[in-house]
N, C-alpha and C. Protein backbone atom coordinates (compact mmCIF):
# COMPACT_ATOMS: atom_id res chain seq x y z
N UNK A 1 -75.06 67.02 -57.00
CA UNK A 1 -74.21 65.97 -56.50
C UNK A 1 -74.47 65.77 -54.98
N UNK A 2 -74.47 64.64 -54.55
CA UNK A 2 -74.65 64.23 -53.17
C UNK A 2 -73.33 64.22 -52.50
N UNK A 3 -73.26 64.78 -51.30
CA UNK A 3 -72.02 64.73 -50.44
C UNK A 3 -72.45 64.23 -49.03
N UNK A 4 -71.90 63.24 -48.57
CA UNK A 4 -72.23 62.65 -47.27
C UNK A 4 -71.19 62.92 -46.18
N UNK A 5 -71.73 63.39 -45.08
CA UNK A 5 -70.87 63.57 -43.82
C UNK A 5 -71.08 62.37 -42.98
N UNK A 6 -69.94 61.63 -42.62
CA UNK A 6 -70.09 60.39 -41.96
C UNK A 6 -69.58 60.45 -40.56
N UNK A 7 -70.05 59.51 -39.84
CA UNK A 7 -69.61 59.30 -38.35
C UNK A 7 -68.20 58.80 -38.42
N UNK A 8 -67.37 59.27 -37.48
CA UNK A 8 -65.96 59.06 -37.48
C UNK A 8 -65.62 57.64 -37.13
N UNK A 9 -66.50 56.92 -36.42
CA UNK A 9 -66.21 55.57 -35.98
C UNK A 9 -66.99 54.53 -36.77
N UNK A 10 -68.24 54.77 -36.96
CA UNK A 10 -69.12 53.78 -37.58
C UNK A 10 -69.36 53.92 -39.11
N UNK A 11 -68.92 55.09 -39.65
CA UNK A 11 -69.12 55.44 -41.04
C UNK A 11 -70.57 55.60 -41.41
N UNK A 12 -71.50 55.60 -40.43
CA UNK A 12 -72.91 55.88 -40.65
C UNK A 12 -73.04 57.37 -41.23
N UNK A 13 -73.98 57.54 -42.17
CA UNK A 13 -74.19 58.86 -42.73
C UNK A 13 -74.97 59.71 -41.70
N UNK A 14 -74.31 60.86 -41.39
CA UNK A 14 -74.92 61.82 -40.41
C UNK A 14 -75.78 62.83 -41.17
N UNK A 15 -75.35 63.21 -42.42
CA UNK A 15 -76.00 64.21 -43.18
C UNK A 15 -75.66 64.06 -44.71
N UNK A 16 -76.61 64.22 -45.57
CA UNK A 16 -76.38 64.16 -46.98
C UNK A 16 -76.83 65.57 -47.55
N UNK A 17 -75.87 66.16 -48.19
CA UNK A 17 -76.11 67.51 -48.75
C UNK A 17 -76.17 67.42 -50.30
N UNK A 18 -77.00 68.27 -50.90
CA UNK A 18 -77.02 68.41 -52.28
C UNK A 18 -76.17 69.67 -52.67
N UNK A 19 -75.05 69.42 -53.28
CA UNK A 19 -74.21 70.54 -53.67
C UNK A 19 -74.14 70.70 -55.19
N UNK A 20 -73.92 71.83 -55.76
CA UNK A 20 -73.82 71.98 -57.17
C UNK A 20 -72.70 71.09 -57.76
N UNK A 21 -73.04 70.52 -58.95
CA UNK A 21 -72.05 69.62 -59.63
C UNK A 21 -70.78 70.35 -59.93
N UNK A 22 -70.77 71.64 -60.14
CA UNK A 22 -69.59 72.35 -60.50
C UNK A 22 -68.78 72.89 -59.28
N UNK A 23 -69.13 72.37 -58.07
CA UNK A 23 -68.36 72.82 -56.93
C UNK A 23 -67.02 72.14 -56.89
N UNK A 24 -65.90 72.94 -56.88
CA UNK A 24 -64.54 72.36 -56.90
C UNK A 24 -64.47 71.39 -55.70
N UNK A 25 -63.70 70.34 -55.93
CA UNK A 25 -63.58 69.27 -54.96
C UNK A 25 -63.07 69.79 -53.59
N UNK A 26 -62.17 70.81 -53.62
CA UNK A 26 -61.63 71.34 -52.39
C UNK A 26 -62.63 72.10 -51.52
N UNK A 27 -63.80 72.47 -52.13
CA UNK A 27 -64.87 73.17 -51.38
C UNK A 27 -66.09 72.36 -51.08
N UNK A 28 -66.11 71.14 -51.49
CA UNK A 28 -67.30 70.33 -51.40
C UNK A 28 -67.69 70.05 -49.87
N UNK A 29 -66.68 69.75 -49.07
CA UNK A 29 -66.96 69.47 -47.68
C UNK A 29 -67.51 70.77 -47.06
N UNK A 30 -66.91 71.89 -47.32
CA UNK A 30 -67.34 73.17 -46.74
C UNK A 30 -68.79 73.39 -47.07
N UNK A 31 -69.15 73.27 -48.39
CA UNK A 31 -70.54 73.50 -48.85
C UNK A 31 -71.53 72.61 -48.13
N UNK A 32 -71.12 71.30 -47.98
CA UNK A 32 -72.01 70.31 -47.29
C UNK A 32 -72.12 70.68 -45.78
N UNK A 33 -71.01 71.06 -45.19
CA UNK A 33 -71.09 71.37 -43.79
C UNK A 33 -71.89 72.64 -43.51
N UNK A 34 -71.81 73.57 -44.36
CA UNK A 34 -72.58 74.82 -44.16
C UNK A 34 -74.07 74.48 -44.35
N UNK A 35 -74.44 73.59 -45.26
CA UNK A 35 -75.81 73.12 -45.47
C UNK A 35 -76.30 72.45 -44.23
N UNK A 36 -75.47 71.55 -43.69
CA UNK A 36 -75.83 70.81 -42.47
C UNK A 36 -76.07 71.71 -41.33
N UNK A 37 -75.17 72.73 -41.19
CA UNK A 37 -75.28 73.69 -40.08
C UNK A 37 -76.55 74.51 -40.18
N UNK A 38 -76.91 74.93 -41.38
CA UNK A 38 -78.12 75.72 -41.72
C UNK A 38 -79.39 74.89 -41.35
N UNK A 39 -79.27 73.58 -41.51
CA UNK A 39 -80.36 72.69 -41.20
C UNK A 39 -80.40 72.28 -39.78
N UNK A 40 -79.44 72.81 -39.01
CA UNK A 40 -79.23 72.46 -37.54
C UNK A 40 -79.03 71.02 -37.35
N UNK A 41 -78.34 70.42 -38.29
CA UNK A 41 -78.10 68.97 -38.17
C UNK A 41 -77.12 68.64 -36.99
N UNK A 42 -77.31 67.50 -36.34
CA UNK A 42 -76.40 67.09 -35.30
C UNK A 42 -75.17 66.40 -35.92
N UNK A 43 -74.03 67.00 -35.87
CA UNK A 43 -72.82 66.41 -36.48
C UNK A 43 -71.85 65.93 -35.53
N UNK A 44 -72.37 65.51 -34.33
CA UNK A 44 -71.47 64.94 -33.36
C UNK A 44 -70.81 63.69 -33.91
N UNK A 45 -69.53 63.55 -33.60
CA UNK A 45 -68.68 62.43 -34.00
C UNK A 45 -68.49 62.39 -35.51
N UNK A 46 -68.60 63.52 -36.28
CA UNK A 46 -68.36 63.54 -37.66
C UNK A 46 -66.85 63.39 -37.99
N UNK A 47 -66.58 62.83 -39.17
CA UNK A 47 -65.22 62.67 -39.64
C UNK A 47 -64.97 63.78 -40.75
N UNK A 48 -64.22 64.80 -40.31
CA UNK A 48 -63.96 65.93 -41.20
C UNK A 48 -62.42 66.23 -41.24
N UNK A 49 -61.71 65.12 -40.96
CA UNK A 49 -60.22 65.31 -40.93
C UNK A 49 -59.71 65.72 -42.25
N UNK A 50 -58.70 66.68 -42.23
CA UNK A 50 -58.06 67.11 -43.46
C UNK A 50 -58.93 67.96 -44.37
N UNK A 51 -60.12 68.42 -43.90
CA UNK A 51 -61.00 69.20 -44.74
C UNK A 51 -60.60 70.68 -44.93
N UNK A 52 -60.92 71.28 -46.12
CA UNK A 52 -60.79 72.67 -46.32
C UNK A 52 -62.08 73.37 -45.85
N UNK A 53 -62.11 73.94 -44.72
CA UNK A 53 -63.31 74.66 -44.28
C UNK A 53 -63.04 76.06 -44.01
N UNK A 54 -61.97 76.60 -44.61
CA UNK A 54 -61.57 78.01 -44.46
C UNK A 54 -62.74 78.93 -44.84
N UNK A 55 -62.78 80.00 -44.05
CA UNK A 55 -63.83 81.06 -44.24
C UNK A 55 -65.27 80.55 -44.21
N UNK A 56 -65.54 79.45 -43.51
CA UNK A 56 -66.88 78.94 -43.48
C UNK A 56 -67.71 79.48 -42.25
N UNK A 57 -68.95 79.53 -42.33
CA UNK A 57 -69.81 79.95 -41.28
C UNK A 57 -70.41 78.74 -40.64
N UNK A 58 -69.86 78.36 -39.45
CA UNK A 58 -70.26 77.21 -38.71
C UNK A 58 -70.72 77.61 -37.31
N UNK A 59 -71.15 78.87 -37.21
CA UNK A 59 -71.57 79.33 -35.86
C UNK A 59 -72.69 78.55 -35.34
N UNK A 60 -72.65 78.23 -34.02
CA UNK A 60 -73.68 77.48 -33.34
C UNK A 60 -73.69 76.05 -33.69
N UNK A 61 -72.71 75.51 -34.40
CA UNK A 61 -72.74 74.09 -34.87
C UNK A 61 -72.42 73.10 -33.70
N UNK A 62 -72.93 71.90 -33.81
CA UNK A 62 -72.64 70.87 -32.94
C UNK A 62 -71.64 69.86 -33.56
N UNK A 63 -70.38 70.05 -33.25
CA UNK A 63 -69.34 69.15 -33.84
C UNK A 63 -68.58 68.44 -32.67
N UNK A 64 -69.27 68.26 -31.58
CA UNK A 64 -68.67 67.64 -30.38
C UNK A 64 -68.10 66.25 -30.79
N UNK A 65 -66.95 65.93 -30.23
CA UNK A 65 -66.29 64.62 -30.42
C UNK A 65 -66.04 64.29 -31.97
N UNK A 66 -65.88 65.32 -32.68
CA UNK A 66 -65.63 65.16 -34.16
C UNK A 66 -64.09 65.10 -34.41
N UNK A 67 -63.73 64.53 -35.54
CA UNK A 67 -62.34 64.43 -36.01
C UNK A 67 -62.12 65.50 -37.02
N UNK A 68 -61.39 66.54 -36.58
CA UNK A 68 -61.00 67.69 -37.51
C UNK A 68 -59.51 67.81 -37.65
N UNK A 69 -58.83 66.66 -37.35
CA UNK A 69 -57.34 66.69 -37.46
C UNK A 69 -56.87 67.25 -38.83
N UNK A 70 -55.90 68.19 -38.78
CA UNK A 70 -55.27 68.71 -39.94
C UNK A 70 -56.19 69.51 -40.82
N UNK A 71 -57.33 69.99 -40.38
CA UNK A 71 -58.31 70.74 -41.11
C UNK A 71 -57.84 72.17 -41.25
N UNK A 72 -58.26 72.76 -42.33
CA UNK A 72 -58.05 74.25 -42.58
C UNK A 72 -59.35 74.99 -42.27
N UNK A 73 -59.32 75.68 -41.09
CA UNK A 73 -60.50 76.42 -40.61
C UNK A 73 -60.13 77.90 -40.54
N UNK A 74 -59.11 78.30 -41.30
CA UNK A 74 -58.64 79.73 -41.25
C UNK A 74 -59.83 80.69 -41.52
N UNK A 75 -60.00 81.72 -40.71
CA UNK A 75 -60.97 82.78 -40.91
C UNK A 75 -62.35 82.23 -40.81
N UNK A 76 -62.65 81.14 -40.21
CA UNK A 76 -64.05 80.64 -40.05
C UNK A 76 -64.75 81.20 -38.83
N UNK A 77 -65.97 81.20 -38.87
CA UNK A 77 -66.90 81.58 -37.74
C UNK A 77 -67.46 80.31 -37.07
N UNK A 78 -66.84 80.06 -35.92
CA UNK A 78 -67.33 78.98 -35.06
C UNK A 78 -67.85 79.43 -33.78
N UNK A 79 -68.24 80.71 -33.75
CA UNK A 79 -68.73 81.28 -32.45
C UNK A 79 -69.98 80.48 -31.95
N UNK A 80 -69.97 80.17 -30.55
CA UNK A 80 -71.03 79.54 -29.97
C UNK A 80 -71.15 78.03 -30.37
N UNK A 81 -70.07 77.49 -30.85
CA UNK A 81 -70.14 76.08 -31.37
C UNK A 81 -69.79 75.13 -30.22
N UNK A 82 -70.28 73.89 -30.37
CA UNK A 82 -69.95 72.86 -29.42
C UNK A 82 -68.92 71.94 -30.04
N UNK A 83 -67.72 72.06 -29.60
CA UNK A 83 -66.58 71.20 -30.07
C UNK A 83 -66.01 70.37 -28.97
N UNK A 84 -66.78 70.11 -27.95
CA UNK A 84 -66.31 69.36 -26.81
C UNK A 84 -65.66 68.11 -27.20
N UNK A 85 -64.51 67.77 -26.73
CA UNK A 85 -63.92 66.41 -26.98
C UNK A 85 -63.50 66.17 -28.42
N UNK A 86 -63.40 67.26 -29.20
CA UNK A 86 -63.02 67.09 -30.62
C UNK A 86 -61.56 66.95 -30.74
N UNK A 87 -61.14 66.33 -31.86
CA UNK A 87 -59.70 66.20 -32.17
C UNK A 87 -59.37 67.17 -33.28
N UNK A 88 -58.64 68.26 -32.87
CA UNK A 88 -58.26 69.31 -33.80
C UNK A 88 -56.76 69.45 -33.99
N UNK A 89 -56.09 68.29 -33.67
CA UNK A 89 -54.59 68.33 -33.76
C UNK A 89 -54.07 68.84 -35.05
N UNK A 90 -53.11 69.75 -35.07
CA UNK A 90 -52.50 70.27 -36.28
C UNK A 90 -53.36 71.04 -37.21
N UNK A 91 -54.56 71.47 -36.75
CA UNK A 91 -55.51 72.26 -37.56
C UNK A 91 -55.10 73.75 -37.64
N UNK A 92 -55.50 74.39 -38.67
CA UNK A 92 -55.19 75.80 -38.83
C UNK A 92 -56.54 76.55 -38.50
N UNK A 93 -56.57 77.20 -37.38
CA UNK A 93 -57.77 78.01 -36.95
C UNK A 93 -57.37 79.48 -36.85
N UNK A 94 -56.35 79.88 -37.53
CA UNK A 94 -55.87 81.30 -37.46
C UNK A 94 -56.95 82.22 -37.89
N UNK A 95 -57.01 83.38 -37.22
CA UNK A 95 -58.02 84.43 -37.47
C UNK A 95 -59.44 83.95 -37.50
N UNK A 96 -59.76 82.94 -36.68
CA UNK A 96 -61.12 82.41 -36.61
C UNK A 96 -61.88 82.99 -35.45
N UNK A 97 -63.11 83.00 -35.52
CA UNK A 97 -64.00 83.50 -34.41
C UNK A 97 -64.54 82.21 -33.67
N UNK A 98 -63.96 82.01 -32.48
CA UNK A 98 -64.43 80.86 -31.65
C UNK A 98 -64.97 81.38 -30.39
N UNK A 99 -65.42 82.66 -30.33
CA UNK A 99 -65.95 83.21 -29.07
C UNK A 99 -67.18 82.42 -28.55
N UNK A 100 -67.19 82.26 -27.28
CA UNK A 100 -68.26 81.58 -26.54
C UNK A 100 -68.46 80.13 -27.01
N UNK A 101 -67.39 79.48 -27.59
CA UNK A 101 -67.45 78.12 -27.99
C UNK A 101 -67.08 77.23 -26.84
N UNK A 102 -67.47 75.95 -26.93
CA UNK A 102 -67.10 74.93 -25.92
C UNK A 102 -66.17 74.03 -26.52
N UNK A 103 -64.89 74.17 -26.16
CA UNK A 103 -63.77 73.31 -26.64
C UNK A 103 -63.24 72.47 -25.48
N UNK A 104 -64.02 72.30 -24.45
CA UNK A 104 -63.44 71.57 -23.24
C UNK A 104 -63.06 70.14 -23.58
N UNK A 105 -61.96 69.72 -23.13
CA UNK A 105 -61.53 68.33 -23.31
C UNK A 105 -61.06 68.06 -24.74
N UNK A 106 -60.89 69.07 -25.58
CA UNK A 106 -60.51 68.88 -26.92
C UNK A 106 -58.97 68.75 -27.09
N UNK A 107 -58.51 68.17 -28.13
CA UNK A 107 -57.11 68.09 -28.39
C UNK A 107 -56.78 69.05 -29.57
N UNK A 108 -56.07 70.13 -29.18
CA UNK A 108 -55.69 71.18 -30.15
C UNK A 108 -54.15 71.25 -30.24
N UNK A 109 -53.45 70.22 -29.84
CA UNK A 109 -52.03 70.25 -29.81
C UNK A 109 -51.51 70.53 -31.25
N UNK A 110 -50.47 71.45 -31.31
CA UNK A 110 -49.88 71.73 -32.54
C UNK A 110 -50.70 72.55 -33.47
N UNK A 111 -51.82 73.08 -33.04
CA UNK A 111 -52.79 73.87 -33.89
C UNK A 111 -52.32 75.30 -33.92
N UNK A 112 -52.73 75.97 -35.02
CA UNK A 112 -52.47 77.40 -35.23
C UNK A 112 -53.77 78.09 -34.92
N UNK A 113 -53.75 78.87 -33.81
CA UNK A 113 -54.89 79.60 -33.35
C UNK A 113 -54.53 81.12 -33.27
N UNK A 114 -53.51 81.48 -33.97
CA UNK A 114 -52.98 82.89 -33.88
C UNK A 114 -54.04 83.84 -34.38
N UNK A 115 -54.17 84.97 -33.69
CA UNK A 115 -55.05 86.09 -34.06
C UNK A 115 -56.52 85.62 -34.00
N UNK A 116 -56.87 84.64 -33.30
CA UNK A 116 -58.20 84.14 -33.23
C UNK A 116 -58.93 84.77 -31.99
N UNK A 117 -60.29 84.81 -32.05
CA UNK A 117 -61.09 85.31 -30.93
C UNK A 117 -61.61 84.07 -30.27
N UNK A 118 -61.07 83.86 -29.01
CA UNK A 118 -61.51 82.78 -28.18
C UNK A 118 -62.15 83.32 -26.87
N UNK A 119 -62.61 84.59 -26.88
CA UNK A 119 -63.11 85.25 -25.68
C UNK A 119 -64.35 84.51 -25.23
N UNK A 120 -64.40 84.29 -23.93
CA UNK A 120 -65.56 83.62 -23.30
C UNK A 120 -65.67 82.12 -23.64
N UNK A 121 -64.63 81.55 -24.23
CA UNK A 121 -64.72 80.08 -24.66
C UNK A 121 -64.30 79.20 -23.40
N UNK A 122 -64.81 78.04 -23.46
CA UNK A 122 -64.43 76.99 -22.47
C UNK A 122 -63.42 76.07 -23.07
N UNK A 123 -62.18 76.23 -22.65
CA UNK A 123 -61.10 75.37 -23.06
C UNK A 123 -60.55 74.52 -21.96
N UNK A 124 -61.34 74.33 -20.94
CA UNK A 124 -60.94 73.60 -19.76
C UNK A 124 -60.56 72.16 -20.13
N UNK A 125 -59.47 71.72 -19.49
CA UNK A 125 -58.94 70.40 -19.64
C UNK A 125 -58.59 69.98 -21.15
N UNK A 126 -58.30 71.02 -21.90
CA UNK A 126 -57.93 70.83 -23.34
C UNK A 126 -56.41 70.64 -23.49
N UNK A 127 -55.98 70.00 -24.55
CA UNK A 127 -54.54 69.88 -24.82
C UNK A 127 -54.19 70.88 -25.93
N UNK A 128 -53.53 71.99 -25.49
CA UNK A 128 -53.08 72.97 -26.37
C UNK A 128 -51.50 72.98 -26.51
N UNK A 129 -50.92 71.91 -26.08
CA UNK A 129 -49.42 71.91 -26.12
C UNK A 129 -48.90 72.16 -27.56
N UNK A 130 -47.91 72.99 -27.59
CA UNK A 130 -47.21 73.36 -28.87
C UNK A 130 -48.08 74.20 -29.81
N UNK A 131 -49.19 74.69 -29.34
CA UNK A 131 -50.07 75.47 -30.24
C UNK A 131 -49.63 76.95 -30.32
N UNK A 132 -49.97 77.56 -31.38
CA UNK A 132 -49.70 78.94 -31.66
C UNK A 132 -50.98 79.74 -31.33
N UNK A 133 -50.97 80.40 -30.15
CA UNK A 133 -52.04 81.24 -29.71
C UNK A 133 -51.67 82.73 -29.70
N UNK A 134 -50.58 83.04 -30.44
CA UNK A 134 -50.13 84.42 -30.40
C UNK A 134 -51.16 85.38 -30.86
N UNK A 135 -51.21 86.53 -30.22
CA UNK A 135 -52.12 87.64 -30.54
C UNK A 135 -53.59 87.27 -30.59
N UNK A 136 -53.98 86.21 -29.87
CA UNK A 136 -55.33 85.76 -29.74
C UNK A 136 -56.08 86.48 -28.58
N UNK A 137 -57.38 86.58 -28.69
CA UNK A 137 -58.19 87.15 -27.63
C UNK A 137 -58.69 85.94 -26.81
N UNK A 138 -58.18 85.74 -25.63
CA UNK A 138 -58.55 84.68 -24.74
C UNK A 138 -59.24 85.33 -23.49
N UNK A 139 -59.67 86.57 -23.55
CA UNK A 139 -60.18 87.21 -22.40
C UNK A 139 -61.49 86.43 -21.86
N UNK A 140 -61.54 86.26 -20.60
CA UNK A 140 -62.75 85.62 -20.06
C UNK A 140 -62.88 84.18 -20.37
N UNK A 141 -61.82 83.53 -20.87
CA UNK A 141 -61.96 82.08 -21.18
C UNK A 141 -61.57 81.23 -20.06
N UNK A 142 -62.10 80.05 -20.11
CA UNK A 142 -61.79 79.01 -19.08
C UNK A 142 -60.78 78.09 -19.64
N UNK A 143 -59.53 78.23 -19.07
CA UNK A 143 -58.38 77.36 -19.48
C UNK A 143 -58.03 76.45 -18.28
N UNK A 144 -58.89 76.26 -17.35
CA UNK A 144 -58.61 75.60 -16.13
C UNK A 144 -58.19 74.11 -16.46
N UNK A 145 -56.96 73.68 -15.96
CA UNK A 145 -56.55 72.32 -16.14
C UNK A 145 -56.05 72.06 -17.49
N UNK A 146 -55.88 73.03 -18.36
CA UNK A 146 -55.41 72.81 -19.72
C UNK A 146 -53.94 72.62 -19.82
N UNK A 147 -53.53 71.87 -20.83
CA UNK A 147 -52.08 71.73 -21.09
C UNK A 147 -51.65 72.76 -22.14
N UNK A 148 -50.95 73.78 -21.73
CA UNK A 148 -50.50 74.87 -22.61
C UNK A 148 -48.91 74.84 -22.73
N UNK A 149 -48.38 73.68 -22.44
CA UNK A 149 -46.93 73.59 -22.42
C UNK A 149 -46.38 73.86 -23.88
N UNK A 150 -45.26 74.56 -23.88
CA UNK A 150 -44.60 74.99 -25.11
C UNK A 150 -45.47 75.69 -26.16
N UNK A 151 -46.54 76.36 -25.69
CA UNK A 151 -47.43 77.08 -26.55
C UNK A 151 -46.95 78.52 -26.69
N UNK A 152 -47.22 79.15 -27.78
CA UNK A 152 -46.90 80.52 -28.07
C UNK A 152 -48.17 81.38 -27.76
N UNK A 153 -48.06 82.11 -26.62
CA UNK A 153 -49.14 83.00 -26.17
C UNK A 153 -48.71 84.50 -26.32
N UNK A 154 -47.65 84.79 -27.07
CA UNK A 154 -47.20 86.14 -27.23
C UNK A 154 -48.29 87.13 -27.59
N UNK A 155 -48.39 88.29 -26.88
CA UNK A 155 -49.36 89.31 -27.24
C UNK A 155 -50.82 88.89 -27.04
N UNK A 156 -51.14 87.80 -26.50
CA UNK A 156 -52.49 87.37 -26.29
C UNK A 156 -53.10 88.08 -25.16
N UNK A 157 -54.44 88.33 -25.19
CA UNK A 157 -55.21 88.93 -24.15
C UNK A 157 -55.77 87.83 -23.29
N UNK A 158 -55.22 87.78 -22.05
CA UNK A 158 -55.65 86.75 -21.04
C UNK A 158 -56.39 87.30 -19.93
N UNK A 159 -56.83 88.56 -20.03
CA UNK A 159 -57.53 89.22 -18.92
C UNK A 159 -58.86 88.48 -18.64
N UNK A 160 -58.97 88.20 -17.24
CA UNK A 160 -60.10 87.52 -16.74
C UNK A 160 -60.24 86.01 -17.08
N UNK A 161 -59.13 85.41 -17.63
CA UNK A 161 -59.14 84.02 -17.94
C UNK A 161 -58.75 83.22 -16.69
N UNK A 162 -59.35 82.00 -16.60
CA UNK A 162 -59.07 81.08 -15.57
C UNK A 162 -57.95 80.14 -16.00
N UNK A 163 -56.73 80.36 -15.47
CA UNK A 163 -55.59 79.41 -15.87
C UNK A 163 -55.23 78.56 -14.74
N UNK A 164 -56.10 78.41 -13.69
CA UNK A 164 -55.74 77.58 -12.57
C UNK A 164 -55.57 76.12 -12.98
N UNK A 165 -54.53 75.57 -12.39
CA UNK A 165 -54.15 74.12 -12.65
C UNK A 165 -53.74 73.86 -14.07
N UNK A 166 -53.40 74.87 -14.81
CA UNK A 166 -52.96 74.70 -16.25
C UNK A 166 -51.49 74.53 -16.17
N UNK A 167 -50.94 73.82 -17.26
CA UNK A 167 -49.57 73.60 -17.47
C UNK A 167 -49.03 74.64 -18.46
N UNK A 168 -48.20 75.53 -18.00
CA UNK A 168 -47.66 76.58 -18.86
C UNK A 168 -46.18 76.47 -19.01
N UNK A 169 -45.66 75.27 -18.68
CA UNK A 169 -44.18 75.16 -18.78
C UNK A 169 -43.68 75.27 -20.22
N UNK A 170 -42.60 76.07 -20.40
CA UNK A 170 -42.04 76.33 -21.68
C UNK A 170 -42.86 77.21 -22.57
N UNK A 171 -43.91 77.81 -22.12
CA UNK A 171 -44.75 78.64 -23.02
C UNK A 171 -44.15 80.03 -23.11
N UNK A 172 -44.43 80.67 -24.20
CA UNK A 172 -44.02 82.07 -24.37
C UNK A 172 -45.19 82.97 -24.05
N UNK A 173 -45.01 83.74 -23.00
CA UNK A 173 -46.12 84.57 -22.50
C UNK A 173 -45.67 86.02 -22.63
N UNK A 174 -44.72 86.34 -23.46
CA UNK A 174 -44.20 87.73 -23.64
C UNK A 174 -45.34 88.59 -24.15
N UNK A 175 -45.54 89.66 -23.40
CA UNK A 175 -46.54 90.67 -23.86
C UNK A 175 -48.04 90.27 -23.62
N UNK A 176 -48.17 89.12 -22.91
CA UNK A 176 -49.61 88.72 -22.64
C UNK A 176 -50.18 89.36 -21.36
């Protein structure tokens, strides 16, 4: 079966994957995306909103400026990925590995990033308002100019992080 990953604005096909016919519909996007990543395909501006990508290996992927709103990325490996300017509003990224990823300028408002590894990541000028970052590893990350208002940062590791010019109003920093 052919599965197409399309551009979020033009609907142009960015990658076509051959996935087994018996792949359950809820896992088709994940299978296609993992194939695209293995092929080192450029998936900038891809439309992946609402996708089930839980437990996928997308390390080193280029998903900059992509639409991942409301996607399930629980337990995924996105280490070293380029997610600059992506829309991840309301996504579930809990227990994911996002270490050394570039999320600068991304919209992660209302997302669940609890217990995730964001160490060494660039989150500068990102919108993380209302996000759950509890018990996450943010050590050495760049959060400069980010909006963290009303975020839950309970128990998070913020050692060596750059929080200059960030908005932390109403955030829970207990135990951080």
